[in-house]
Amino acid sequence: MNHSRFAQEPPAISAGEGRSEVFMTRNVGSLDRLIRLVVGVLLLGLYGALEPPWRYVTLLGLIPVGTALTGNCPLYGLFGIDTCSPRKR
């Protein structure tokens, strides 16, 4: 008999009646994440150097930064692309 408080599984969290649980699976590999982060930061860095309306186009750099930080790309999921190694999923 194991009395460790860590031996038990945590209770499942329900998403509510009629709702299904949605999990963000990692589908962006390490190299892909690094490239996205660098490109996103470079785009965001141009914000102060450009005049409007091009200045606001640089805010699109938030997209690759966000996907790099989360490790999930919705477009990759839509098209079934996965750049992760099998052991990191």
PDB file of N, CA and C in Angstrom:
ATOM      1  N   MET A   1       0.843  -1.178   0.000  1.00  0.00           N
ATOM      2  CA  MET A   1       0.000   0.000   0.000  1.00  0.00           C
ATOM      3  C   MET A   1       0.888   1.240   0.000  1.00  0.00           C
ATOM      4  N   ASN A   2       0.723   2.066  -1.019  1.00  0.00           N
ATOM      5  CA  ASN A   2       1.544   3.255  -1.179  1.00  0.00           C
ATOM      6  C   ASN A   2       0.783   4.458  -0.623  1.00  0.00           C
ATOM      7  N   HIS A   3       1.357   5.116   0.379  1.00  0.00           N
ATOM      8  CA  HIS A   3       0.691   6.254   1.017  1.00  0.00           C
ATOM      9  C   HIS A   3       1.195   7.594   0.486  1.00  0.00           C
ATOM     10  N   SER A   4       1.977   7.571  -0.568  1.00  0.00           N
ATOM     11  CA  SER A   4       2.504   8.806  -1.126  1.00  0.00           C
ATOM     12  C   SER A   4       1.375   9.635  -1.732  1.00  0.00           C
ATOM     13  N   ARG A   5       1.388  10.932  -1.485  1.00  0.00           N
ATOM     14  CA  ARG A   5       0.341  11.789  -2.024  1.00  0.00           C
ATOM     15  C   ARG A   5       0.490  11.985  -3.531  1.00  0.00           C
ATOM     16  N   PHE A   6       1.663  11.618  -4.072  1.00  0.00           N
ATOM     17  CA  PHE A   6       1.890  11.749  -5.496  1.00  0.00           C
ATOM     18  C   PHE A   6       1.558  10.473  -6.262  1.00  0.00           C
ATOM     19  N   ALA A   7       1.162   9.428  -5.564  1.00  0.00           N
ATOM     20  CA  ALA A   7       0.896   8.149  -6.211  1.00  0.00           C
ATOM     21  C   ALA A   7      -0.439   8.160  -6.945  1.00  0.00           C
ATOM     22  N   GLN A   8      -1.352   9.037  -6.564  1.00  0.00           N
ATOM     23  CA  GLN A   8      -2.667   9.053  -7.179  1.00  0.00           C
ATOM     24  C   GLN A   8      -2.689  10.012  -8.361  1.00  0.00           C
ATOM     25  N   GLU A   9      -3.498   9.652  -9.350  1.00  0.00           N
ATOM     26  CA  GLU A   9      -3.692  10.520 -10.495  1.00  0.00           C
ATOM     27  C   GLU A   9      -4.543  11.720 -10.081  1.00  0.00           C
ATOM     28  N   PRO A  10      -4.271  12.888 -10.606  1.00  0.00           N
ATOM     29  CA  PRO A  10      -5.122  14.042 -10.296  1.00  0.00           C
ATOM     30  C   PRO A  10      -6.501  13.836 -10.913  1.00  0.00           C
ATOM     31  N   PRO A  11      -7.523  14.432 -10.336  1.00  0.00           N
ATOM     32  CA  PRO A  11      -8.864  14.259 -10.892  1.00  0.00           C
ATOM     33  C   PRO A  11      -8.965  14.893 -12.276  1.00  0.00           C
ATOM     34  N   ALA A  12      -9.749  14.266 -13.127  1.00  0.00           N
ATOM     35  CA  ALA A  12      -9.941  14.792 -14.481  1.00  0.00           C
ATOM     36  C   ALA A  12     -10.759  16.066 -14.422  1.00  0.00           C
ATOM     37  N   ILE A  13     -10.407  17.023 -15.230  1.00  0.00           N
ATOM     38  CA  ILE A  13     -11.131  18.286 -15.279  1.00  0.00           C
ATOM     39  C   ILE A  13     -12.118  18.210 -16.428  1.00  0.00           C
ATOM     40  N   SER A  14     -13.357  18.422 -16.111  1.00  0.00           N
ATOM     41  CA  SER A  14     -14.398  18.339 -17.130  1.00  0.00           C
ATOM     42  C   SER A  14     -14.526  19.673 -17.842  1.00  0.00           C
ATOM     43  N   ALA A  15     -14.775  19.601 -19.143  1.00  0.00           N
ATOM     44  CA  ALA A  15     -14.955  20.820 -19.929  1.00  0.00           C
ATOM     45  C   ALA A  15     -16.401  21.287 -19.886  1.00  0.00           C
ATOM     46  N   GLY A  16     -17.247  20.563 -19.198  1.00  0.00           N
ATOM     47  CA  GLY A  16     -18.653  20.928 -19.105  1.00  0.00           C
ATOM     48  C   GLY A  16     -19.506  20.021 -19.966  1.00  0.00           C
ATOM     49  N   GLU A  17     -20.769  20.023 -19.695  1.00  0.00           N
ATOM     50  CA  GLU A  17     -21.673  19.150 -20.427  1.00  0.00           C
ATOM     51  C   GLU A  17     -21.801  19.609 -21.872  1.00  0.00           C
ATOM     52  N   GLY A  18     -21.652  18.665 -22.781  1.00  0.00           N
ATOM     53  CA  GLY A  18     -21.772  18.979 -24.197  1.00  0.00           C
ATOM     54  C   GLY A  18     -20.528  19.577 -24.816  1.00  0.00           C
ATOM     55  N   ARG A  19     -19.477  19.742 -24.047  1.00  0.00           N
ATOM     56  CA  ARG A  19     -18.233  20.303 -24.572  1.00  0.00           C
ATOM     57  C   ARG A  19     -17.165  19.224 -24.604  1.00  0.00           C
ATOM     58  N   SER A  20     -16.339  19.291 -25.598  1.00  0.00           N
ATOM     59  CA  SER A  20     -15.224  18.350 -25.653  1.00  0.00           C
ATOM     60  C   SER A  20     -13.954  19.090 -25.247  1.00  0.00           C
ATOM     61  N   GLU A  21     -13.012  18.336 -24.695  1.00  0.00           N
ATOM     62  CA  GLU A  21     -11.747  18.940 -24.281  1.00  0.00           C
ATOM     63  C   GLU A  21     -10.864  19.136 -25.501  1.00  0.00           C
ATOM     64  N   VAL A  22     -10.206  20.262 -25.555  1.00  0.00           N
ATOM     65  CA  VAL A  22      -9.319  20.572 -26.666  1.00  0.00           C
ATOM     66  C   VAL A  22      -7.916  20.721 -26.095  1.00  0.00           C
ATOM     67  N   PHE A  23      -6.989  19.966 -26.647  1.00  0.00           N
ATOM     68  CA  PHE A  23      -5.614  20.028 -26.198  1.00  0.00           C
ATOM     69  C   PHE A  23      -4.754  20.596 -27.311  1.00  0.00           C
ATOM     70  N   MET A  24      -3.819  21.454 -26.940  1.00  0.00           N
ATOM     71  CA  MET A  24      -2.885  21.979 -27.925  1.00  0.00           C
ATOM     72  C   MET A  24      -1.691  21.035 -27.955  1.00  0.00           C
ATOM     73  N   THR A  25      -1.636  20.201 -28.961  1.00  0.00           N
ATOM     74  CA  THR A  25      -0.503  19.300 -29.089  1.00  0.00           C
ATOM     75  C   THR A  25       0.643  20.045 -29.744  1.00  0.00           C
ATOM     76  N   ARG A  26       1.821  19.718 -29.338  1.00  0.00           N
ATOM     77  CA  ARG A  26       3.001  20.364 -29.892  1.00  0.00           C
ATOM     78  C   ARG A  26       3.227  19.826 -31.301  1.00  0.00           C
ATOM     79  N   ASN A  27       3.297  20.703 -32.270  1.00  0.00           N
ATOM     80  CA  ASN A  27       3.538  20.285 -33.644  1.00  0.00           C
ATOM     81  C   ASN A  27       4.636  21.095 -34.318  1.00  0.00           C
ATOM     82  N   VAL A  28       5.378  21.870 -33.538  1.00  0.00           N
ATOM     83  CA  VAL A  28       6.468  22.688 -34.065  1.00  0.00           C
ATOM     84  C   VAL A  28       7.757  22.222 -33.397  1.00  0.00           C
ATOM     85  N   GLY A  29       8.701  21.748 -34.202  1.00  0.00           N
ATOM     86  CA  GLY A  29       9.966  21.234 -33.687  1.00  0.00           C
ATOM     87  C   GLY A  29      10.896  22.328 -33.181  1.00  0.00           C
ATOM     88  N   SER A  30      11.998  21.901 -32.579  1.00  0.00           N
ATOM     89  CA  SER A  30      12.942  22.839 -31.949  1.00  0.00           C
ATOM     90  C   SER A  30      13.568  23.808 -32.944  1.00  0.00           C
ATOM     91  N   LEU A  31      14.052  23.304 -34.073  1.00  0.00           N
ATOM     92  CA  LEU A  31      14.657  24.184 -35.064  1.00  0.00           C
ATOM     93  C   LEU A  31      13.617  25.139 -35.639  1.00  0.00           C
ATOM     94  N   ASP A  32      12.444  24.623 -35.903  1.00  0.00           N
ATOM     95  CA  ASP A  32      11.340  25.443 -36.416  1.00  0.00           C
ATOM     96  C   ASP A  32      10.983  26.541 -35.414  1.00  0.00           C
ATOM     97  N   ARG A  33      10.953  26.210 -34.136  1.00  0.00           N
ATOM     98  CA  ARG A  33      10.638  27.196 -33.095  1.00  0.00           C
ATOM     99  C   ARG A  33      11.701  28.285 -33.034  1.00  0.00           C
ATOM    100  N   LEU A  34      12.965  27.896 -33.145  1.00  0.00           N
ATOM    101  CA  LEU A  34      14.053  28.869 -33.099  1.00  0.00           C
ATOM    102  C   LEU A  34      13.969  29.832 -34.284  1.00  0.00           C
ATOM    103  N   ILE A  35      13.720  29.292 -35.477  1.00  0.00           N
ATOM    104  CA  ILE A  35      13.598  30.134 -36.663  1.00  0.00           C
ATOM    105  C   ILE A  35      12.418  31.092 -36.526  1.00  0.00           C
ATOM    106  N   ARG A  36      11.286  30.589 -36.045  1.00  0.00           N
ATOM    107  CA  ARG A  36      10.107  31.439 -35.850  1.00  0.00           C
ATOM    108  C   ARG A  36      10.391  32.554 -34.844  1.00  0.00           C
ATOM    109  N   LEU A  37      11.085  32.226 -33.775  1.00  0.00           N
ATOM    110  CA  LEU A  37      11.394  33.226 -32.753  1.00  0.00           C
ATOM    111  C   LEU A  37      12.298  34.319 -33.317  1.00  0.00           C
ATOM    112  N   VAL A  38      13.330  33.938 -34.043  1.00  0.00           N
ATOM    113  CA  VAL A  38      14.258  34.918 -34.612  1.00  0.00           C
ATOM    114  C   VAL A  38      13.538  35.808 -35.628  1.00  0.00           C
ATOM    115  N   VAL A  39      12.768  35.204 -36.535  1.00  0.00           N
ATOM    116  CA  VAL A  39      12.045  35.981 -37.546  1.00  0.00           C
ATOM    117  C   VAL A  39      11.039  36.922 -36.879  1.00  0.00           C
ATOM    118  N   GLY A  40      10.323  36.426 -35.887  1.00  0.00           N
ATOM    119  CA  GLY A  40       9.330  37.252 -35.199  1.00  0.00           C
ATOM    120  C   GLY A  40       9.953  38.433 -34.481  1.00  0.00           C
ATOM    121  N   VAL A  41      11.060  38.187 -33.802  1.00  0.00           N
ATOM    122  CA  VAL A  41      11.732  39.275 -33.078  1.00  0.00           C
ATOM    123  C   VAL A  41      12.306  40.294 -34.059  1.00  0.00           C
ATOM    124  N   LEU A  42      12.843  39.819 -35.175  1.00  0.00           N
ATOM    125  CA  LEU A  42      13.353  40.761 -36.188  1.00  0.00           C
ATOM    126  C   LEU A  42      12.233  41.618 -36.751  1.00  0.00           C
ATOM    127  N   LEU A  43      11.087  41.020 -37.045  1.00  0.00           N
ATOM    128  CA  LEU A  43       9.947  41.800 -37.536  1.00  0.00           C
ATOM    129  C   LEU A  43       9.487  42.824 -36.506  1.00  0.00           C
ATOM    130  N   LEU A  44       9.395  42.400 -35.260  1.00  0.00           N
ATOM    131  CA  LEU A  44       8.970  43.329 -34.208  1.00  0.00           C
ATOM    132  C   LEU A  44       9.997  44.437 -33.995  1.00  0.00           C
ATOM    133  N   GLY A  45      11.255  44.128 -34.221  1.00  0.00           N
ATOM    134  CA  GLY A  45      12.313  45.126 -34.077  1.00  0.00           C
ATOM    135  C   GLY A  45      12.238  46.235 -35.113  1.00  0.00           C
ATOM    136  N   LEU A  46      11.592  45.957 -36.230  1.00  0.00           N
ATOM    137  CA  LEU A  46      11.446  46.974 -37.276  1.00  0.00           C
ATOM    138  C   LEU A  46      10.327  47.969 -36.976  1.00  0.00           C
ATOM    139  N   TYR A  47       9.573  47.742 -35.934  1.00  0.00           N
ATOM    140  CA  TYR A  47       8.417  48.588 -35.613  1.00  0.00           C
ATOM    141  C   TYR A  47       8.807  50.072 -35.521  1.00  0.00           C
ATOM    142  N   GLY A  48       9.857  50.365 -34.823  1.00  0.00           N
ATOM    143  CA  GLY A  48      10.258  51.762 -34.634  1.00  0.00           C
ATOM    144  C   GLY A  48      10.960  52.374 -35.831  1.00  0.00           C
ATOM    145  N   ALA A  49      11.440  51.533 -36.744  1.00  0.00           N
ATOM    146  CA  ALA A  49      12.209  52.043 -37.877  1.00  0.00           C
ATOM    147  C   ALA A  49      11.347  52.401 -39.080  1.00  0.00           C
ATOM    148  N   LEU A  50      10.128  51.939 -39.111  1.00  0.00           N
ATOM    149  CA  LEU A  50       9.274  52.157 -40.275  1.00  0.00           C
ATOM    150  C   LEU A  50       8.170  53.164 -39.985  1.00  0.00           C
ATOM    151  N   GLU A  51       7.687  53.773 -41.043  1.00  0.00           N
ATOM    152  CA  GLU A  51       6.581  54.727 -40.934  1.00  0.00           C
ATOM    153  C   GLU A  51       5.253  53.992 -41.142  1.00  0.00           C
ATOM    154  N   PRO A  52       4.187  54.542 -40.568  1.00  0.00           N
ATOM    155  CA  PRO A  52       2.871  53.937 -40.827  1.00  0.00           C
ATOM    156  C   PRO A  52       2.554  54.007 -42.312  1.00  0.00           C
ATOM    157  N   PRO A  53       1.885  53.096 -42.901  1.00  0.00           N
ATOM    158  CA  PRO A  53       1.222  51.906 -42.356  1.00  0.00           C
ATOM    159  C   PRO A  53       2.133  50.696 -42.240  1.00  0.00           C
ATOM    160  N   TRP A  54       3.387  50.756 -42.758  1.00  0.00           N
ATOM    161  CA  TRP A  54       4.287  49.605 -42.683  1.00  0.00           C
ATOM    162  C   TRP A  54       4.648  49.259 -41.251  1.00  0.00           C
ATOM    163  N   ARG A  55       4.626  50.229 -40.386  1.00  0.00           N
ATOM    164  CA  ARG A  55       4.930  49.987 -38.979  1.00  0.00           C
ATOM    165  C   ARG A  55       3.986  48.936 -38.399  1.00  0.00           C
ATOM    166  N   TYR A  56       2.733  48.994 -38.792  1.00  0.00           N
ATOM    167  CA  TYR A  56       1.741  48.071 -38.228  1.00  0.00           C
ATOM    168  C   TYR A  56       1.839  46.671 -38.823  1.00  0.00           C
ATOM    169  N   VAL A  57       2.428  46.585 -40.004  1.00  0.00           N
ATOM    170  CA  VAL A  57       2.657  45.271 -40.611  1.00  0.00           C
ATOM    171  C   VAL A  57       3.669  44.480 -39.790  1.00  0.00           C
ATOM    172  N   THR A  58       4.583  45.172 -39.143  1.00  0.00           N
ATOM    173  CA  THR A  58       5.588  44.489 -38.331  1.00  0.00           C
ATOM    174  C   THR A  58       4.966  43.768 -37.137  1.00  0.00           C
ATOM    175  N   LEU A  59       3.772  44.174 -36.742  1.00  0.00           N
ATOM    176  CA  LEU A  59       3.102  43.499 -35.622  1.00  0.00           C
ATOM    177  C   LEU A  59       2.720  42.062 -35.967  1.00  0.00           C
ATOM    178  N   LEU A  60       2.763  41.721 -37.246  1.00  0.00           N
ATOM    179  CA  LEU A  60       2.561  40.324 -37.641  1.00  0.00           C
ATOM    180  C   LEU A  60       3.665  39.432 -37.071  1.00  0.00           C
ATOM    181  N   GLY A  61       4.751  40.031 -36.627  1.00  0.00           N
ATOM    182  CA  GLY A  61       5.821  39.288 -35.968  1.00  0.00           C
ATOM    183  C   GLY A  61       5.365  38.627 -34.677  1.00  0.00           C
ATOM    184  N   LEU A  62       4.237  39.075 -34.130  1.00  0.00           N
ATOM    185  CA  LEU A  62       3.692  38.442 -32.921  1.00  0.00           C
ATOM    186  C   LEU A  62       3.237  37.007 -33.200  1.00  0.00           C
ATOM    187  N   ILE A  63       2.850  36.727 -34.430  1.00  0.00           N
ATOM    188  CA  ILE A  63       2.372  35.385 -34.776  1.00  0.00           C
ATOM    189  C   ILE A  63       3.499  34.354 -34.683  1.00  0.00           C
ATOM    190  N   PRO A  64       4.638  34.559 -35.361  1.00  0.00           N
ATOM    191  CA  PRO A  64       5.695  33.547 -35.205  1.00  0.00           C
ATOM    192  C   PRO A  64       6.256  33.486 -33.786  1.00  0.00           C
ATOM    193  N   VAL A  65       6.292  34.616 -33.076  1.00  0.00           N
ATOM    194  CA  VAL A  65       6.761  34.581 -31.686  1.00  0.00           C
ATOM    195  C   VAL A  65       5.802  33.749 -30.838  1.00  0.00           C
ATOM    196  N   GLY A  66       4.511  33.938 -31.029  1.00  0.00           N
ATOM    197  CA  GLY A  66       3.517  33.174 -30.260  1.00  0.00           C
ATOM    198  C   GLY A  66       3.573  31.691 -30.549  1.00  0.00           C
ATOM    199  N   THR A  67       3.713  31.325 -31.828  1.00  0.00           N
ATOM    200  CA  THR A  67       3.785  29.908 -32.158  1.00  0.00           C
ATOM    201  C   THR A  67       5.098  29.294 -31.682  1.00  0.00           C
ATOM    202  N   ALA A  68       6.164  30.089 -31.650  1.00  0.00           N
ATOM    203  CA  ALA A  68       7.441  29.585 -31.131  1.00  0.00           C
ATOM    204  C   ALA A  68       7.356  29.338 -29.633  1.00  0.00           C
ATOM    205  N   LEU A  69       6.699  30.233 -28.911  1.00  0.00           N
ATOM    206  CA  LEU A  69       6.606  30.078 -27.458  1.00  0.00           C
ATOM    207  C   LEU A  69       5.671  28.944 -27.045  1.00  0.00           C
ATOM    208  N   THR A  70       4.591  28.740 -27.787  1.00  0.00           N
ATOM    209  CA  THR A  70       3.648  27.684 -27.425  1.00  0.00           C
ATOM    210  C   THR A  70       4.016  26.331 -28.014  1.00  0.00           C
ATOM    211  N   GLY A  71       4.762  26.326 -29.120  1.00  0.00           N
ATOM    212  CA  GLY A  71       5.108  25.073 -29.774  1.00  0.00           C
ATOM    213  C   GLY A  71       3.969  24.503 -30.593  1.00  0.00           C
ATOM    214  N   ASN A  72       2.952  25.310 -30.835  1.00  0.00           N
ATOM    215  CA  ASN A  72       1.789  24.864 -31.591  1.00  0.00           C
ATOM    216  C   ASN A  72       1.479  25.876 -32.680  1.00  0.00           C
ATOM    217  N   CYS A  73       1.298  25.370 -33.900  1.00  0.00           N
ATOM    218  CA  CYS A  73       0.924  26.214 -35.025  1.00  0.00           C
ATOM    219  C   CYS A  73      -0.427  25.732 -35.544  1.00  0.00           C
ATOM    220  N   PRO A  74      -1.468  26.556 -35.466  1.00  0.00           N
ATOM    221  CA  PRO A  74      -2.785  26.137 -35.944  1.00  0.00           C
ATOM    222  C   PRO A  74      -2.806  25.753 -37.423  1.00  0.00           C
ATOM    223  N   LEU A  75      -2.034  26.440 -38.256  1.00  0.00           N
ATOM    224  CA  LEU A  75      -1.992  26.080 -39.672  1.00  0.00           C
ATOM    225  C   LEU A  75      -1.343  24.718 -39.885  1.00  0.00           C
ATOM    226  N   TYR A  76      -0.307  24.398 -39.099  1.00  0.00           N
ATOM    227  CA  TYR A  76       0.296  23.066 -39.184  1.00  0.00           C
ATOM    228  C   TYR A  76      -0.751  22.006 -38.827  1.00  0.00           C
ATOM    229  N   GLY A  77      -1.539  22.269 -37.793  1.00  0.00           N
ATOM    230  CA  GLY A  77      -2.581  21.335 -37.396  1.00  0.00           C
ATOM    231  C   GLY A  77      -3.632  21.157 -38.476  1.00  0.00           C
ATOM    232  N   LEU A  78      -3.982  22.245 -39.142  1.00  0.00           N
ATOM    233  CA  LEU A  78      -4.988  22.208 -40.196  1.00  0.00           C
ATOM    234  C   LEU A  78      -4.534  21.360 -41.382  1.00  0.00           C
ATOM    235  N   PHE A  79      -3.244  21.468 -41.715  1.00  0.00           N
ATOM    236  CA  PHE A  79      -2.710  20.736 -42.857  1.00  0.00           C
ATOM    237  C   PHE A  79      -2.043  19.415 -42.472  1.00  0.00           C
ATOM    238  N   GLY A  80      -2.029  19.073 -41.189  1.00  0.00           N
ATOM    239  CA  GLY A  80      -1.454  17.804 -40.752  1.00  0.00           C
ATOM    240  C   GLY A  80       0.063  17.771 -40.753  1.00  0.00           C
ATOM    241  N   ILE A  81       0.697  18.917 -40.625  1.00  0.00           N
ATOM    242  CA  ILE A  81       2.155  18.993 -40.613  1.00  0.00           C
ATOM    243  C   ILE A  81       2.634  18.905 -39.176  1.00  0.00           C
ATOM    244  N   ASP A  82       3.719  18.163 -38.963  1.00  0.00           N
ATOM    245  CA  ASP A  82       4.288  18.021 -37.621  1.00  0.00           C
ATOM    246  C   ASP A  82       5.806  17.958 -37.752  1.00  0.00           C
ATOM    247  N   THR A  83       6.504  18.946 -37.231  1.00  0.00           N
ATOM    248  CA  THR A  83       7.971  18.976 -37.336  1.00  0.00           C
ATOM    249  C   THR A  83       8.643  18.527 -36.045  1.00  0.00           C
ATOM    250  N   CYS A  84       7.864  18.055 -35.080  1.00  0.00           N
ATOM    251  CA  CYS A  84       8.429  17.545 -33.823  1.00  0.00           C
ATOM    252  C   CYS A  84       9.007  16.171 -34.025  1.00  0.00           C
ATOM    253  N   SER A  85      10.036  15.850 -33.242  1.00  0.00           N
ATOM    254  CA  SER A  85      10.527  14.480 -33.233  1.00  0.00           C
ATOM    255  C   SER A  85       9.496  13.633 -32.476  1.00  0.00           C
ATOM    256  N   PRO A  86       9.366  12.351 -32.790  1.00  0.00           N
ATOM    257  CA  PRO A  86       8.339  11.503 -32.176  1.00  0.00           C
ATOM    258  C   PRO A  86       8.406  11.445 -30.659  1.00  0.00           C
ATOM    259  N   ARG A  87       9.559  11.569 -30.060  1.00  0.00           N
ATOM    260  CA  ARG A  87       9.662  11.462 -28.611  1.00  0.00           C
ATOM    261  C   ARG A  87       9.286  12.734 -27.864  1.00  0.00           C
ATOM    262  N   LYS A  88       9.102  13.856 -28.551  1.00  0.00           N
ATOM    263  CA  LYS A  88       8.779  15.123 -27.882  1.00  0.00           C
ATOM    264  C   LYS A  88       7.333  15.509 -27.973  1.00  0.00           C
ATOM    265  N   ARG A  89       6.481  14.666 -28.474  1.00  0.00           N
ATOM    266  CA  ARG A  89       5.059  15.012 -28.637  1.00  0.00           C
ATOM    267  C   ARG A  89       4.311  14.902 -27.380  1.00  0.00           C
TER     268      ARG A  89
END
